[in-house]
PDB file of N, CA and C in Angstrom:
ATOM      1  N   MET A   1     -44.082  47.342 -23.346  1.00  0.00           N
ATOM      2  CA  MET A   1     -43.576  47.482 -24.704  1.00  0.00           C
ATOM      3  C   MET A   1     -44.751  47.613 -25.667  1.00  0.00           C
ATOM      4  N   ALA A   2     -44.767  48.677 -26.447  1.00  0.00           N
ATOM      5  CA  ALA A   2     -45.857  48.917 -27.397  1.00  0.00           C
ATOM      6  C   ALA A   2     -45.626  48.107 -28.663  1.00  0.00           C
ATOM      7  N   THR A   3     -46.710  47.585 -29.205  1.00  0.00           N
ATOM      8  CA  THR A   3     -46.622  46.859 -30.474  1.00  0.00           C
ATOM      9  C   THR A   3     -47.018  47.786 -31.600  1.00  0.00           C
ATOM     10  N   THR A   4     -46.730  47.366 -32.814  1.00  0.00           N
ATOM     11  CA  THR A   4     -47.073  48.199 -33.969  1.00  0.00           C
ATOM     12  C   THR A   4     -48.570  48.323 -34.146  1.00  0.00           C
ATOM     13  N   THR A   5     -49.341  47.429 -33.537  1.00  0.00           N
ATOM     14  CA  THR A   5     -50.789  47.551 -33.637  1.00  0.00           C
ATOM     15  C   THR A   5     -51.330  48.601 -32.684  1.00  0.00           C
ATOM     16  N   ASP A   6     -50.554  48.979 -31.656  1.00  0.00           N
ATOM     17  CA  ASP A   6     -51.005  49.989 -30.703  1.00  0.00           C
ATOM     18  C   ASP A   6     -50.751  51.402 -31.208  1.00  0.00           C
ATOM     19  N   SER A   7     -49.621  51.624 -31.844  1.00  0.00           N
ATOM     20  CA  SER A   7     -49.288  52.952 -32.352  1.00  0.00           C
ATOM     21  C   SER A   7     -48.336  52.804 -33.525  1.00  0.00           C
ATOM     22  N   CYS A   8     -48.085  53.910 -34.186  1.00  0.00           N
ATOM     23  CA  CYS A   8     -47.206  53.864 -35.344  1.00  0.00           C
ATOM     24  C   CYS A   8     -46.214  55.018 -35.241  1.00  0.00           C
ATOM     25  N   ASP A   9     -44.988  54.706 -34.834  1.00  0.00           N
ATOM     26  CA  ASP A   9     -43.954  55.728 -34.697  1.00  0.00           C
ATOM     27  C   ASP A   9     -43.198  55.945 -35.997  1.00  0.00           C
ATOM     28  N   ARG A  10     -43.415  55.074 -36.961  1.00  0.00           N
ATOM     29  CA  ARG A  10     -42.730  55.190 -38.246  1.00  0.00           C
ATOM     30  C   ARG A  10     -43.720  54.821 -39.345  1.00  0.00           C
ATOM     31  N   ASN A  11     -43.381  55.142 -40.570  1.00  0.00           N
ATOM     32  CA  ASN A  11     -44.255  54.766 -41.681  1.00  0.00           C
ATOM     33  C   ASN A  11     -44.079  53.285 -41.973  1.00  0.00           C
ATOM     34  N   ASP A  12     -45.097  52.527 -41.659  1.00  0.00           N
ATOM     35  CA  ASP A  12     -45.094  51.084 -41.855  1.00  0.00           C
ATOM     36  C   ASP A  12     -46.511  50.665 -42.221  1.00  0.00           C
ATOM     37  N   VAL A  13     -46.753  50.425 -43.503  1.00  0.00           N
ATOM     38  CA  VAL A  13     -48.105  50.103 -43.956  1.00  0.00           C
ATOM     39  C   VAL A  13     -48.658  48.829 -43.333  1.00  0.00           C
ATOM     40  N   TYR A  14     -47.793  48.024 -42.737  1.00  0.00           N
ATOM     41  CA  TYR A  14     -48.253  46.800 -42.094  1.00  0.00           C
ATOM     42  C   TYR A  14     -48.740  47.054 -40.670  1.00  0.00           C
ATOM     43  N   ALA A  15     -48.444  48.219 -40.116  1.00  0.00           N
ATOM     44  CA  ALA A  15     -48.885  48.573 -38.765  1.00  0.00           C
ATOM     45  C   ALA A  15     -50.332  49.051 -38.827  1.00  0.00           C
ATOM     46  N   ALA A  16     -51.170  48.505 -37.968  1.00  0.00           N
ATOM     47  CA  ALA A  16     -52.607  48.793 -38.006  1.00  0.00           C
ATOM     48  C   ALA A  16     -52.933  50.272 -37.872  1.00  0.00           C
ATOM     49  N   MET A  17     -52.228  50.987 -37.061  1.00  0.00           N
ATOM     50  CA  MET A  17     -52.556  52.389 -36.798  1.00  0.00           C
ATOM     51  C   MET A  17     -51.746  53.366 -37.636  1.00  0.00           C
ATOM     52  N   CYS A  18     -51.011  52.880 -38.600  1.00  0.00           N
ATOM     53  CA  CYS A  18     -50.164  53.763 -39.410  1.00  0.00           C
ATOM     54  C   CYS A  18     -51.010  54.623 -40.337  1.00  0.00           C
ATOM     55  N   PRO A  19     -50.798  55.942 -40.300  1.00  0.00           N
ATOM     56  CA  PRO A  19     -51.574  56.824 -41.180  1.00  0.00           C
ATOM     57  C   PRO A  19     -51.279  56.611 -42.663  1.00  0.00           C
ATOM     58  N   CYS A  20     -50.178  55.963 -42.997  1.00  0.00           N
ATOM     59  CA  CYS A  20     -49.905  55.736 -44.418  1.00  0.00           C
ATOM     60  C   CYS A  20     -50.876  54.729 -45.023  1.00  0.00           C
ATOM     61  N   ARG A  21     -51.607  54.010 -44.194  1.00  0.00           N
ATOM     62  CA  ARG A  21     -52.626  53.102 -44.726  1.00  0.00           C
ATOM     63  C   ARG A  21     -53.740  53.870 -45.437  1.00  0.00           C
ATOM     64  N   ASP A  22     -54.030  55.084 -44.966  1.00  0.00           N
ATOM     65  CA  ASP A  22     -55.049  55.899 -45.634  1.00  0.00           C
ATOM     66  C   ASP A  22     -54.622  56.226 -47.067  1.00  0.00           C
ATOM     67  N   MET A  23     -53.343  56.562 -47.232  1.00  0.00           N
ATOM     68  CA  MET A  23     -52.832  56.863 -48.575  1.00  0.00           C
ATOM     69  C   MET A  23     -52.851  55.602 -49.428  1.00  0.00           C
ATOM     70  N   LEU A  24     -52.458  54.480 -48.866  1.00  0.00           N
ATOM     71  CA  LEU A  24     -52.485  53.214 -49.603  1.00  0.00           C
ATOM     72  C   LEU A  24     -53.908  52.876 -50.033  1.00  0.00           C
ATOM     73  N   ASP A  25     -54.859  53.066 -49.138  1.00  0.00           N
ATOM     74  CA  ASP A  25     -56.260  52.808 -49.461  1.00  0.00           C
ATOM     75  C   ASP A  25     -56.724  53.695 -50.617  1.00  0.00           C
ATOM     76  N   LEU A  26     -56.353  54.960 -50.567  1.00  0.00           N
ATOM     77  CA  LEU A  26     -56.736  55.894 -51.624  1.00  0.00           C
ATOM     78  C   LEU A  26     -56.121  55.496 -52.965  1.00  0.00           C
ATOM     79  N   LEU A  27     -54.820  55.203 -52.976  1.00  0.00           N
ATOM     80  CA  LEU A  27     -54.138  54.882 -54.226  1.00  0.00           C
ATOM     81  C   LEU A  27     -54.528  53.510 -54.773  1.00  0.00           C
ATOM     82  N   ALA A  28     -54.973  52.610 -53.893  1.00  0.00           N
ATOM     83  CA  ALA A  28     -55.394  51.281 -54.341  1.00  0.00           C
ATOM     84  C   ALA A  28     -56.785  51.300 -54.953  1.00  0.00           C
ATOM     85  N   SER A  29     -57.484  52.408 -54.835  1.00  0.00           N
ATOM     86  CA  SER A  29     -58.810  52.546 -55.424  1.00  0.00           C
ATOM     87  C   SER A  29     -58.705  52.591 -56.946  1.00  0.00           C
ATOM     88  N   LYS A  30     -59.544  51.826 -57.598  1.00  0.00           N
ATOM     89  CA  LYS A  30     -59.564  51.796 -59.066  1.00  0.00           C
ATOM     90  C   LYS A  30     -59.730  53.199 -59.640  1.00  0.00           C
ATOM     91  N   TRP A  31     -60.694  53.958 -59.116  1.00  0.00           N
ATOM     92  CA  TRP A  31     -60.968  55.274 -59.691  1.00  0.00           C
ATOM     93  C   TRP A  31     -59.838  56.254 -59.426  1.00  0.00           C
ATOM     94  N   SER A  32     -59.200  56.177 -58.268  1.00  0.00           N
ATOM     95  CA  SER A  32     -58.054  57.052 -57.998  1.00  0.00           C
ATOM     96  C   SER A  32     -56.926  56.770 -58.977  1.00  0.00           C
ATOM     97  N   ALA A  33     -56.625  55.488 -59.175  1.00  0.00           N
ATOM     98  CA  ALA A  33     -55.554  55.112 -60.098  1.00  0.00           C
ATOM     99  C   ALA A  33     -55.855  55.590 -61.517  1.00  0.00           C
ATOM    100  N   LEU A  34     -57.125  55.526 -61.917  1.00  0.00           N
ATOM    101  CA  LEU A  34     -57.488  55.948 -63.261  1.00  0.00           C
ATOM    102  C   LEU A  34     -57.503  57.473 -63.405  1.00  0.00           C
ATOM    103  N   VAL A  35     -57.963  58.188 -62.373  1.00  0.00           N
ATOM    104  CA  VAL A  35     -57.933  59.652 -62.416  1.00  0.00           C
ATOM    105  C   VAL A  35     -56.496  60.141 -62.518  1.00  0.00           C
ATOM    106  N   ILE A  36     -55.618  59.590 -61.690  1.00  0.00           N
ATOM    107  CA  ILE A  36     -54.210  59.999 -61.733  1.00  0.00           C
ATOM    108  C   ILE A  36     -53.632  59.723 -63.109  1.00  0.00           C
ATOM    109  N   GLY A  37     -53.943  58.576 -63.690  1.00  0.00           N
ATOM    110  CA  GLY A  37     -53.463  58.260 -65.036  1.00  0.00           C
ATOM    111  C   GLY A  37     -54.005  59.224 -66.080  1.00  0.00           C
ATOM    112  N   ALA A  38     -55.273  59.591 -65.951  1.00  0.00           N
ATOM    113  CA  ALA A  38     -55.880  60.514 -66.914  1.00  0.00           C
ATOM    114  C   ALA A  38     -55.275  61.908 -66.826  1.00  0.00           C
ATOM    115  N   LEU A  39     -54.709  62.249 -65.683  1.00  0.00           N
ATOM    116  CA  LEU A  39     -54.119  63.577 -65.503  1.00  0.00           C
ATOM    117  C   LEU A  39     -52.622  63.619 -65.814  1.00  0.00           C
ATOM    118  N   GLU A  40     -52.047  62.486 -66.177  1.00  0.00           N
ATOM    119  CA  GLU A  40     -50.609  62.448 -66.477  1.00  0.00           C
ATOM    120  C   GLU A  40     -50.220  63.365 -67.633  1.00  0.00           C
ATOM    121  N   ASP A  41     -51.099  63.541 -68.591  1.00  0.00           N
ATOM    122  CA  ASP A  41     -50.780  64.363 -69.767  1.00  0.00           C
ATOM    123  C   ASP A  41     -51.108  65.837 -69.577  1.00  0.00           C
ATOM    124  N   GLY A  42     -51.566  66.210 -68.382  1.00  0.00           N
ATOM    125  CA  GLY A  42     -51.862  67.610 -68.112  1.00  0.00           C
ATOM    126  C   GLY A  42     -53.242  67.804 -67.528  1.00  0.00           C
ATOM    127  N   PRO A  43     -53.581  69.059 -67.258  1.00  0.00           N
ATOM    128  CA  PRO A  43     -54.856  69.373 -66.602  1.00  0.00           C
ATOM    129  C   PRO A  43     -56.058  68.961 -67.450  1.00  0.00           C
ATOM    130  N   ARG A  44     -57.123  68.597 -66.759  1.00  0.00           N
ATOM    131  CA  ARG A  44     -58.376  68.234 -67.426  1.00  0.00           C
ATOM    132  C   ARG A  44     -59.543  68.780 -66.623  1.00  0.00           C
ATOM    133  N   ARG A  45     -60.618  69.032 -67.326  1.00  0.00           N
ATOM    134  CA  ARG A  45     -61.856  69.453 -66.691  1.00  0.00           C
ATOM    135  C   ARG A  45     -62.662  68.225 -66.287  1.00  0.00           C
ATOM    136  N   PHE A  46     -63.635  68.447 -65.422  1.00  0.00           N
ATOM    137  CA  PHE A  46     -64.471  67.365 -64.911  1.00  0.00           C
ATOM    138  C   PHE A  46     -65.093  66.557 -66.056  1.00  0.00           C
ATOM    139  N   GLY A  47     -65.683  67.246 -67.019  1.00  0.00           N
ATOM    140  CA  GLY A  47     -66.322  66.568 -68.150  1.00  0.00           C
ATOM    141  C   GLY A  47     -65.339  65.739 -68.959  1.00  0.00           C
ATOM    142  N   GLN A  48     -64.130  66.247 -69.122  1.00  0.00           N
ATOM    143  CA  GLN A  48     -63.105  65.498 -69.851  1.00  0.00           C
ATOM    144  C   GLN A  48     -62.731  64.227 -69.086  1.00  0.00           C
ATOM    145  N   LEU A  49     -62.646  64.335 -67.776  1.00  0.00           N
ATOM    146  CA  LEU A  49     -62.332  63.160 -66.959  1.00  0.00           C
ATOM    147  C   LEU A  49     -63.462  62.128 -67.046  1.00  0.00           C
ATOM    148  N   ARG A  50     -64.707  62.592 -67.006  1.00  0.00           N
ATOM    149  CA  ARG A  50     -65.850  61.674 -67.114  1.00  0.00           C
ATOM    150  C   ARG A  50     -65.834  60.918 -68.434  1.00  0.00           C
ATOM    151  N   LEU A  51     -65.485  61.609 -69.515  1.00  0.00           N
ATOM    152  CA  LEU A  51     -65.419  60.942 -70.812  1.00  0.00           C
ATOM    153  C   LEU A  51     -64.290  59.919 -70.854  1.00  0.00           C
ATOM    154  N   ARG A  52     -63.158  60.259 -70.272  1.00  0.00           N
ATOM    155  CA  ARG A  52     -61.985  59.370 -70.283  1.00  0.00           C
ATOM    156  C   ARG A  52     -62.207  58.141 -69.410  1.00  0.00           C
ATOM    157  N   LEU A  53     -62.863  58.327 -68.260  1.00  0.00           N
ATOM    158  CA  LEU A  53     -63.071  57.246 -67.298  1.00  0.00           C
ATOM    159  C   LEU A  53     -64.449  56.634 -67.516  1.00  0.00           C
ATOM    160  N   GLU A  54     -64.560  55.842 -68.555  1.00  0.00           N
ATOM    161  CA  GLU A  54     -65.846  55.238 -68.900  1.00  0.00           C
ATOM    162  C   GLU A  54     -66.404  54.460 -67.719  1.00  0.00           C
ATOM    163  N   GLY A  55     -67.686  54.703 -67.419  1.00  0.00           N
ATOM    164  CA  GLY A  55     -68.356  53.953 -66.364  1.00  0.00           C
ATOM    165  C   GLY A  55     -68.375  54.625 -65.007  1.00  0.00           C
ATOM    166  N   VAL A  56     -67.626  55.689 -64.817  1.00  0.00           N
ATOM    167  CA  VAL A  56     -67.639  56.364 -63.521  1.00  0.00           C
ATOM    168  C   VAL A  56     -68.862  57.277 -63.444  1.00  0.00           C
ATOM    169  N   SER A  57     -69.524  57.271 -62.297  1.00  0.00           N
ATOM    170  CA  SER A  57     -70.668  58.162 -62.113  1.00  0.00           C
ATOM    171  C   SER A  57     -70.147  59.541 -61.705  1.00  0.00           C
ATOM    172  N   PRO A  58     -70.920  60.582 -61.959  1.00  0.00           N
ATOM    173  CA  PRO A  58     -70.489  61.919 -61.526  1.00  0.00           C
ATOM    174  C   PRO A  58     -70.225  61.988 -60.022  1.00  0.00           C
ATOM    175  N   LYS A  59     -71.055  61.305 -59.239  1.00  0.00           N
ATOM    176  CA  LYS A  59     -70.884  61.315 -57.777  1.00  0.00           C
ATOM    177  C   LYS A  59     -69.561  60.679 -57.365  1.00  0.00           C
ATOM    178  N   VAL A  60     -69.253  59.521 -57.914  1.00  0.00           N
ATOM    179  CA  VAL A  60     -68.010  58.816 -57.567  1.00  0.00           C
ATOM    180  C   VAL A  60     -66.803  59.617 -58.043  1.00  0.00           C
ATOM    181  N   LEU A  61     -66.879  60.192 -59.236  1.00  0.00           N
ATOM    182  CA  LEU A  61     -65.770  61.004 -59.735  1.00  0.00           C
ATOM    183  C   LEU A  61     -65.551  62.214 -58.831  1.00  0.00           C
ATOM    184  N   SER A  62     -66.621  62.870 -58.459  1.00  0.00           N
ATOM    185  CA  SER A  62     -66.523  64.033 -57.589  1.00  0.00           C
ATOM    186  C   SER A  62     -65.904  63.659 -56.241  1.00  0.00           C
ATOM    187  N   GLN A  63     -66.341  62.553 -55.653  1.00  0.00           N
ATOM    188  CA  GLN A  63     -65.785  62.095 -54.375  1.00  0.00           C
ATOM    189  C   GLN A  63     -64.312  61.733 -54.506  1.00  0.00           C
ATOM    190  N   THR A  64     -63.959  61.082 -55.601  1.00  0.00           N
ATOM    191  CA  THR A  64     -62.567  60.692 -55.837  1.00  0.00           C
ATOM    192  C   THR A  64     -61.684  61.921 -55.987  1.00  0.00           C
ATOM    193  N   LEU A  65     -62.135  62.894 -56.770  1.00  0.00           N
ATOM    194  CA  LEU A  65     -61.359  64.129 -56.948  1.00  0.00           C
ATOM    195  C   LEU A  65     -61.168  64.852 -55.616  1.00  0.00           C
ATOM    196  N   LYS A  66     -62.211  64.881 -54.795  1.00  0.00           N
ATOM    197  CA  LYS A  66     -62.121  65.544 -53.488  1.00  0.00           C
ATOM    198  C   LYS A  66     -61.099  64.846 -52.595  1.00  0.00           C
ATOM    199  N   ARG A  67     -61.137  63.526 -52.564  1.00  0.00           N
ATOM    200  CA  ARG A  67     -60.172  62.768 -51.740  1.00  0.00           C
ATOM    201  C   ARG A  67     -58.741  62.982 -52.231  1.00  0.00           C
ATOM    202  N   LEU A  68     -58.542  62.980 -53.547  1.00  0.00           N
ATOM    203  CA  LEU A  68     -57.198  63.206 -54.100  1.00  0.00           C
ATOM    204  C   LEU A  68     -56.720  64.622 -53.799  1.00  0.00           C
ATOM    205  N   GLU A  69     -57.627  65.575 -53.856  1.00  0.00           N
ATOM    206  CA  GLU A  69     -57.268  66.958 -53.530  1.00  0.00           C
ATOM    207  C   GLU A  69     -56.952  67.099 -52.042  1.00  0.00           C
ATOM    208  N   ASP A  70     -57.735  66.470 -51.189  1.00  0.00           N
ATOM    209  CA  ASP A  70     -57.497  66.525 -49.742  1.00  0.00           C
ATOM    210  C   ASP A  70     -56.133  65.961 -49.364  1.00  0.00           C
ATOM    211  N   ARG A  71     -55.666  64.958 -50.118  1.00  0.00           N
ATOM    212  CA  ARG A  71     -54.357  64.337 -49.840  1.00  0.00           C
ATOM    213  C   ARG A  71     -53.232  64.986 -50.642  1.00  0.00           C
ATOM    214  N   GLU A  72     -53.551  66.104 -51.299  1.00  0.00           N
ATOM    215  CA  GLU A  72     -52.585  66.904 -52.055  1.00  0.00           C
ATOM    216  C   GLU A  72     -51.926  66.156 -53.205  1.00  0.00           C
ATOM    217  N   LEU A  73     -52.696  65.253 -53.815  1.00  0.00           N
ATOM    218  CA  LEU A  73     -52.221  64.546 -55.001  1.00  0.00           C
ATOM    219  C   LEU A  73     -52.616  65.294 -56.274  1.00  0.00           C
ATOM    220  N   ILE A  74     -53.689  66.074 -56.186  1.00  0.00           N
ATOM    221  CA  ILE A  74     -54.115  66.911 -57.310  1.00  0.00           C
ATOM    222  C   ILE A  74     -54.473  68.297 -56.789  1.00  0.00           C
ATOM    223  N   THR A  75     -54.506  69.250 -57.717  1.00  0.00           N
ATOM    224  CA  THR A  75     -55.001  70.579 -57.388  1.00  0.00           C
ATOM    225  C   THR A  75     -56.257  70.834 -58.207  1.00  0.00           C
ATOM    226  N   ARG A  76     -57.110  71.657 -57.664  1.00  0.00           N
ATOM    227  CA  ARG A  76     -58.344  72.076 -58.333  1.00  0.00           C
ATOM    228  C   ARG A  76     -58.239  73.580 -58.520  1.00  0.00           C
ATOM    229  N   THR A  77     -58.307  74.033 -59.759  1.00  0.00           N
ATOM    230  CA  THR A  77     -58.221  75.457 -60.053  1.00  0.00           C
ATOM    231  C   THR A  77     -59.509  75.905 -60.715  1.00  0.00           C
ATOM    232  N   ALA A  78     -60.166  76.884 -60.094  1.00  0.00           N
ATOM    233  CA  ALA A  78     -61.398  77.453 -60.655  1.00  0.00           C
ATOM    234  C   ALA A  78     -61.055  78.798 -61.283  1.00  0.00           C
ATOM    235  N   TYR A  79     -61.468  78.979 -62.521  1.00  0.00           N
ATOM    236  CA  TYR A  79     -61.209  80.217 -63.250  1.00  0.00           C
ATOM    237  C   TYR A  79     -62.476  81.067 -63.254  1.00  0.00           C
ATOM    238  N   ALA A  80     -62.316  82.347 -62.961  1.00  0.00           N
ATOM    239  CA  ALA A  80     -63.454  83.270 -62.902  1.00  0.00           C
ATOM    240  C   ALA A  80     -63.909  83.616 -64.317  1.00  0.00           C
ATOM    241  N   GLU A  81     -64.607  82.696 -64.919  1.00  0.00           N
ATOM    242  CA  GLU A  81     -65.124  82.866 -66.275  1.00  0.00           C
ATOM    243  C   GLU A  81     -66.603  82.519 -66.268  1.00  0.00           C
ATOM    244  N   VAL A  82     -67.291  82.932 -67.284  1.00  0.00           N
ATOM    245  CA  VAL A  82     -68.686  82.549 -67.454  1.00  0.00           C
ATOM    246  C   VAL A  82     -68.788  81.731 -68.732  1.00  0.00           C
ATOM    247  N   PRO A  83     -69.149  80.451 -68.646  1.00  0.00           N
ATOM    248  CA  PRO A  83     -69.409  79.707 -67.415  1.00  0.00           C
ATOM    249  C   PRO A  83     -68.107  79.402 -66.666  1.00  0.00           C
ATOM    250  N   LEU A  84     -68.256  79.080 -65.378  1.00  0.00           N
ATOM    251  CA  LEU A  84     -67.105  78.763 -64.531  1.00  0.00           C
ATOM    252  C   LEU A  84     -66.319  77.594 -65.132  1.00  0.00           C
ATOM    253  N   ARG A  85     -65.010  77.724 -65.159  1.00  0.00           N
ATOM    254  CA  ARG A  85     -64.138  76.653 -65.666  1.00  0.00           C
ATOM    255  C   ARG A  85     -63.291  76.157 -64.510  1.00  0.00           C
ATOM    256  N   VAL A  86     -63.300  74.848 -64.287  1.00  0.00           N
ATOM    257  CA  VAL A  86     -62.522  74.217 -63.221  1.00  0.00           C
ATOM    258  C   VAL A  86     -61.633  73.165 -63.855  1.00  0.00           C
ATOM    259  N   GLU A  87     -60.355  73.186 -63.489  1.00  0.00           N
ATOM    260  CA  GLU A  87     -59.412  72.184 -63.991  1.00  0.00           C
ATOM    261  C   GLU A  87     -58.746  71.465 -62.828  1.00  0.00           C
ATOM    262  N   TYR A  88     -58.431  70.204 -63.069  1.00  0.00           N
ATOM    263  CA  TYR A  88     -57.736  69.369 -62.103  1.00  0.00           C
ATOM    264  C   TYR A  88     -56.374  69.020 -62.689  1.00  0.00           C
ATOM    265  N   GLU A  89     -55.358  69.025 -61.817  1.00  0.00           N
ATOM    266  CA  GLU A  89     -53.988  68.780 -62.282  1.00  0.00           C
ATOM    267  C   GLU A  89     -53.216  68.046 -61.197  1.00  0.00           C
ATOM    268  N   LEU A  90     -52.286  67.188 -61.621  1.00  0.00           N
ATOM    269  CA  LEU A  90     -51.444  66.485 -60.660  1.00  0.00           C
ATOM    270  C   LEU A  90     -50.495  67.456 -59.974  1.00  0.00           C
ATOM    271  N   THR A  91     -50.281  67.242 -58.688  1.00  0.00           N
ATOM    272  CA  THR A  91     -49.237  67.956 -57.957  1.00  0.00           C
ATOM    273  C   THR A  91     -47.941  67.163 -58.138  1.00  0.00           C
ATOM    274  N   GLU A  92     -46.871  67.643 -57.561  1.00  0.00           N
ATOM    275  CA  GLU A  92     -45.608  66.899 -57.604  1.00  0.00           C
ATOM    276  C   GLU A  92     -45.776  65.541 -56.919  1.00  0.00           C
ATOM    277  N   LEU A  93     -46.489  65.538 -55.796  1.00  0.00           N
ATOM    278  CA  LEU A  93     -46.756  64.284 -55.089  1.00  0.00           C
ATOM    279  C   LEU A  93     -47.584  63.340 -55.961  1.00  0.00           C
ATOM    280  N   GLY A  94     -48.590  63.890 -56.629  1.00  0.00           N
ATOM    281  CA  GLY A  94     -49.428  63.088 -57.516  1.00  0.00           C
ATOM    282  C   GLY A  94     -48.655  62.536 -58.702  1.00  0.00           C
ATOM    283  N   ALA A  95     -47.748  63.348 -59.252  1.00  0.00           N
ATOM    284  CA  ALA A  95     -46.912  62.886 -60.370  1.00  0.00           C
ATOM    285  C   ALA A  95     -46.008  61.752 -59.915  1.00  0.00           C
ATOM    286  N   GLY A  96     -45.544  61.819 -58.674  1.00  0.00           N
ATOM    287  CA  GLY A  96     -44.732  60.734 -58.129  1.00  0.00           C
ATOM    288  C   GLY A  96     -45.536  59.451 -57.989  1.00  0.00           C
ATOM    289  N   ALA A  97     -46.777  59.573 -57.557  1.00  0.00           N
ATOM    290  CA  ALA A  97     -47.648  58.401 -57.425  1.00  0.00           C
ATOM    291  C   ALA A  97     -48.025  57.837 -58.793  1.00  0.00           C
ATOM    292  N   ALA A  98     -48.040  58.699 -59.808  1.00  0.00           N
ATOM    293  CA  ALA A  98     -48.429  58.270 -61.156  1.00  0.00           C
ATOM    294  C   ALA A  98     -47.469  57.234 -61.727  1.00  0.00           C
ATOM    295  N   VAL A  99     -46.210  57.309 -61.358  1.00  0.00           N
ATOM    296  CA  VAL A  99     -45.203  56.401 -61.930  1.00  0.00           C
ATOM    297  C   VAL A  99     -45.500  54.937 -61.586  1.00  0.00           C
ATOM    298  N   PRO A 100     -45.596  54.568 -60.309  1.00  0.00           N
ATOM    299  CA  PRO A 100     -45.902  53.150 -60.033  1.00  0.00           C
ATOM    300  C   PRO A 100     -47.314  52.756 -60.454  1.00  0.00           C
ATOM    301  N   LEU A 101     -48.250  53.695 -60.416  1.00  0.00           N
ATOM    302  CA  LEU A 101     -49.608  53.367 -60.853  1.00  0.00           C
ATOM    303  C   LEU A 101     -49.656  53.078 -62.345  1.00  0.00           C
ATOM    304  N   LYS A 102     -48.833  53.762 -63.135  1.00  0.00           N
ATOM    305  CA  LYS A 102     -48.760  53.478 -64.572  1.00  0.00           C
ATOM    306  C   LYS A 102     -48.234  52.065 -64.801  1.00  0.00           C
ATOM    307  N   HIS A 103     -47.213  51.685 -64.031  1.00  0.00           N
ATOM    308  CA  HIS A 103     -46.691  50.315 -64.149  1.00  0.00           C
ATOM    309  C   HIS A 103     -47.783  49.299 -63.809  1.00  0.00           C
ATOM    310  N   LEU A 104     -48.568  49.595 -62.782  1.00  0.00           N
ATOM    311  CA  LEU A 104     -49.653  48.692 -62.407  1.00  0.00           C
ATOM    312  C   LEU A 104     -50.709  48.606 -63.505  1.00  0.00           C
ATOM    313  N   ARG A 105     -51.119  49.750 -64.052  1.00  0.00           N
ATOM    314  CA  ARG A 105     -52.116  49.742 -65.136  1.00  0.00           C
ATOM    315  C   ARG A 105     -51.583  48.984 -66.350  1.00  0.00           C
ATOM    316  N   ASP A 106     -50.312  49.219 -66.705  1.00  0.00           N
ATOM    317  CA  ASP A 106     -49.706  48.510 -67.843  1.00  0.00           C
ATOM    318  C   ASP A 106     -49.678  47.006 -67.594  1.00  0.00           C
ATOM    319  N   TRP A 107     -49.317  46.597 -66.372  1.00  0.00           N
ATOM    320  CA  TRP A 107     -49.266  45.179 -66.040  1.00  0.00           C
ATOM    321  C   TRP A 107     -50.656  44.560 -66.153  1.00  0.00           C
ATOM    322  N   VAL A 108     -51.665  45.265 -65.627  1.00  0.00           N
ATOM    323  CA  VAL A 108     -53.039  44.749 -65.687  1.00  0.00           C
ATOM    324  C   VAL A 108     -53.480  44.591 -67.137  1.00  0.00           C
ATOM    325  N   GLU A 109     -53.212  45.591 -67.972  1.00  0.00           N
ATOM    326  CA  GLU A 109     -53.607  45.498 -69.388  1.00  0.00           C
ATOM    327  C   GLU A 109     -52.911  44.341 -70.095  1.00  0.00           C
ATOM    328  N   SER A 110     -51.664  44.072 -69.727  1.00  0.00           N
ATOM    329  CA  SER A 110     -50.899  42.991 -70.375  1.00  0.00           C
ATOM    330  C   SER A 110     -51.285  41.605 -69.873  1.00  0.00           C
ATOM    331  N   ASN A 111     -51.801  41.542 -68.650  1.00  0.00           N
ATOM    332  CA  ASN A 111     -52.032  40.230 -68.032  1.00  0.00           C
ATOM    333  C   ASN A 111     -53.481  39.894 -67.745  1.00  0.00           C
ATOM    334  N   ALA A 112     -54.396  40.777 -68.080  1.00  0.00           N
ATOM    335  CA  ALA A 112     -55.814  40.479 -67.849  1.00  0.00           C
ATOM    336  C   ALA A 112     -56.257  39.372 -68.788  1.00  0.00           C
ATOM    337  N   ALA A 113     -57.017  38.465 -68.249  1.00  0.00           N
ATOM    338  CA  ALA A 113     -57.487  37.330 -69.066  1.00  0.00           C
ATOM    339  C   ALA A 113     -58.524  37.785 -70.064  1.00  0.00           C
TER     340      ALA A 113
END
């Protein structure tokens, strides 16, 4: 008899081998939660995100955007302009994740000491 720690036949974040843990890890990241929140009002450029997310380094922001794009939570659109213009926007999946993350951010702001 296989245990949930050996394999994951269903989505169960408590199971050690469940692939949904990767998504949970990504969404539990402070910077991911803040990037998703910053994109709730529409597309933004990298520089706009850096200004909104005070304290994030360009490297960490770039890595966070790449991870969110890889998991199809955001899209990256490059426009053939001089200079090159790149915008990031929530996907439908990302907009769905934004709802509980907004509740979490609101709760933290209301309850932080």
